[in-house]
Amino acid sequence: MTYAAPFPAAPHRVNGSRATWQLTRRGRIVLGVVASVPFAALLMLVGSVQADAGTAVADQGRATGVVVVQPGESLWRIAQEVAPDADPRGVVTAIRDLNSLGSDAVVPGQSLVVPLPTS
């Protein structure tokens, strides 16, 4: 007759030290998912803040116009034409923000929303 223990055996001890935990594959997956949830929430929060920052210029009620990029034009030249008395760096930044541009590259025929100078 064989005797079966009513409870599972206790973890084995090696050299009198404490037992170690071993995660199964499913346990590692669950742990990874649980650990990534705060990171994903942080990314969504940062993305939301950046989206709000991009619309801040448009929300100021500043007058805007539309310019079509001509061959050979750059954002710098457009900024100088739109606001000749203003610092072109600030105008280029405003144009990039208004149009959600990732770089200063523009192509002929592209329509750009530009800030109009305040009188």
Protein backbone atom coordinates (compact mmCIF):
# COMPACT_ATOMS: atom_id res chain seq x y z
CA MET A 1 0.00 0.00 0.00
CA THR A 2 1.29 3.46 -0.94
CA TYR A 3 0.76 6.45 1.16
CA ALA A 4 0.14 9.84 -0.49
CA ALA A 5 0.78 12.96 1.54
CA PRO A 6 -2.32 15.14 1.94
CA PHE A 7 -0.33 18.31 1.25
CA PRO A 8 2.39 19.05 -1.32
CA ALA A 9 5.91 18.68 -0.13
CA ALA A 10 7.66 21.72 1.28
CA PRO A 11 10.31 23.41 -0.84
CA HIS A 12 13.64 21.67 -0.73
CA ARG A 13 16.41 23.25 1.21
CA VAL A 14 19.93 23.21 -0.10
CA ASN A 15 22.74 23.24 2.45
CA GLY A 16 20.44 24.55 5.15
CA SER A 17 19.73 27.81 3.27
CA ARG A 18 16.30 29.19 2.58
CA ALA A 19 14.26 27.83 -0.29
CA THR A 20 14.33 29.86 -3.50
CA TRP A 21 11.39 30.80 -5.65
CA GLN A 22 11.30 29.68 -9.23
CA LEU A 23 8.91 31.35 -11.64
CA THR A 24 7.28 29.36 -14.37
CA ARG A 25 7.08 30.72 -17.90
CA ARG A 26 3.52 31.88 -17.28
CA GLY A 27 4.60 33.53 -14.01
CA ARG A 28 7.36 35.45 -15.79
CA ILE A 29 4.87 36.63 -18.44
CA VAL A 30 2.38 37.77 -15.79
CA LEU A 31 5.12 39.54 -13.85
CA GLY A 32 6.33 41.28 -17.01
CA VAL A 33 2.83 42.47 -17.89
CA VAL A 34 2.14 43.70 -14.37
CA ALA A 35 5.49 45.50 -14.26
CA SER A 36 4.88 47.19 -17.64
CA VAL A 37 1.48 48.66 -16.72
CA PRO A 38 2.92 51.63 -14.75
CA PHE A 39 5.41 52.26 -17.56
CA ALA A 40 2.62 52.31 -20.17
CA ALA A 41 0.58 54.68 -18.00
CA LEU A 42 3.59 56.99 -17.70
CA LEU A 43 4.06 56.99 -21.49
CA MET A 44 0.41 57.89 -22.03
CA LEU A 45 0.68 60.71 -19.51
CA VAL A 46 3.84 62.12 -21.13
CA GLY A 47 2.27 61.86 -24.59
CA SER A 48 -0.81 63.72 -23.36
CA VAL A 49 1.33 66.51 -21.90
CA GLN A 50 3.31 66.84 -25.14
CA ALA A 51 0.11 66.96 -27.20
CA ASP A 52 -1.16 69.76 -24.98
CA ALA A 53 2.13 71.64 -25.39
CA GLY A 54 1.86 71.41 -29.18
CA THR A 55 -1.57 73.03 -29.22
CA ALA A 56 -0.63 75.76 -26.75
CA VAL A 57 0.34 78.19 -29.52
CA ALA A 58 -2.93 77.66 -31.38
CA ASP A 59 -4.96 78.00 -28.17
CA GLN A 60 -3.56 81.47 -27.52
CA GLY A 61 -5.96 82.91 -30.08
CA ARG A 62 -3.13 84.18 -32.23
CA ALA A 63 -4.06 85.09 -35.80
CA THR A 64 -2.82 82.62 -38.40
CA GLY A 65 -2.66 82.36 -42.16
CA VAL A 66 -1.78 79.72 -44.72
CA VAL A 67 1.32 79.77 -46.92
CA VAL A 68 2.10 77.36 -49.77
CA VAL A 69 5.78 76.41 -49.92
CA GLN A 70 7.43 77.41 -53.20
CA PRO A 71 10.46 75.65 -54.76
CA GLY A 72 13.68 76.63 -52.97
CA GLU A 73 11.93 77.99 -49.87
CA SER A 74 12.81 76.96 -46.34
CA LEU A 75 11.12 77.51 -43.02
CA TRP A 76 13.67 80.20 -42.26
CA ARG A 77 12.82 82.16 -45.45
CA ILE A 78 9.08 81.74 -44.84
CA ALA A 79 9.54 82.98 -41.25
CA GLN A 80 11.40 86.07 -42.54
CA GLU A 81 8.66 86.79 -45.10
CA VAL A 82 5.77 86.29 -42.68
CA ALA A 83 7.24 88.34 -39.82
CA PRO A 84 10.14 90.46 -41.09
CA ASP A 85 10.49 92.39 -37.81
CA ALA A 86 10.46 89.30 -35.55
CA ASP A 87 13.27 86.93 -34.65
CA PRO A 88 13.09 84.16 -37.30
CA ARG A 89 13.99 81.47 -34.74
CA GLY A 90 10.81 82.10 -32.78
CA VAL A 91 8.69 82.22 -35.93
CA VAL A 92 10.20 78.95 -37.21
CA THR A 93 9.41 77.32 -33.86
CA ALA A 94 5.83 78.63 -34.02
CA ILE A 95 5.39 77.30 -37.58
CA ARG A 96 6.74 73.90 -36.55
CA ASP A 97 4.38 73.81 -33.56
CA LEU A 98 1.32 74.93 -35.54
CA ASN A 99 1.93 72.26 -38.19
CA SER A 100 3.27 69.49 -35.91
CA LEU A 101 6.46 69.26 -37.97
CA GLY A 102 9.17 66.93 -36.72
CA SER A 103 11.92 68.74 -38.63
CA ASP A 104 12.59 71.89 -40.62
CA ALA A 105 12.18 70.05 -43.94
CA VAL A 106 9.40 71.32 -46.19
CA VAL A 107 8.48 70.40 -49.77
CA PRO A 108 7.18 72.60 -52.59
CA GLY A 109 3.38 72.66 -52.67
CA GLN A 110 3.06 71.94 -48.94
CA SER A 111 0.53 74.16 -47.15
CA LEU A 112 1.69 75.56 -43.83
CA VAL A 113 -0.25 77.40 -41.13
CA VAL A 114 1.82 80.41 -40.14
CA PRO A 115 1.40 82.97 -37.35
CA LEU A 116 0.55 86.45 -38.54
CA PRO A 117 2.48 89.34 -37.02
CA THR A 118 0.67 91.28 -34.33
CA SER A 119 0.22 94.90 -35.27
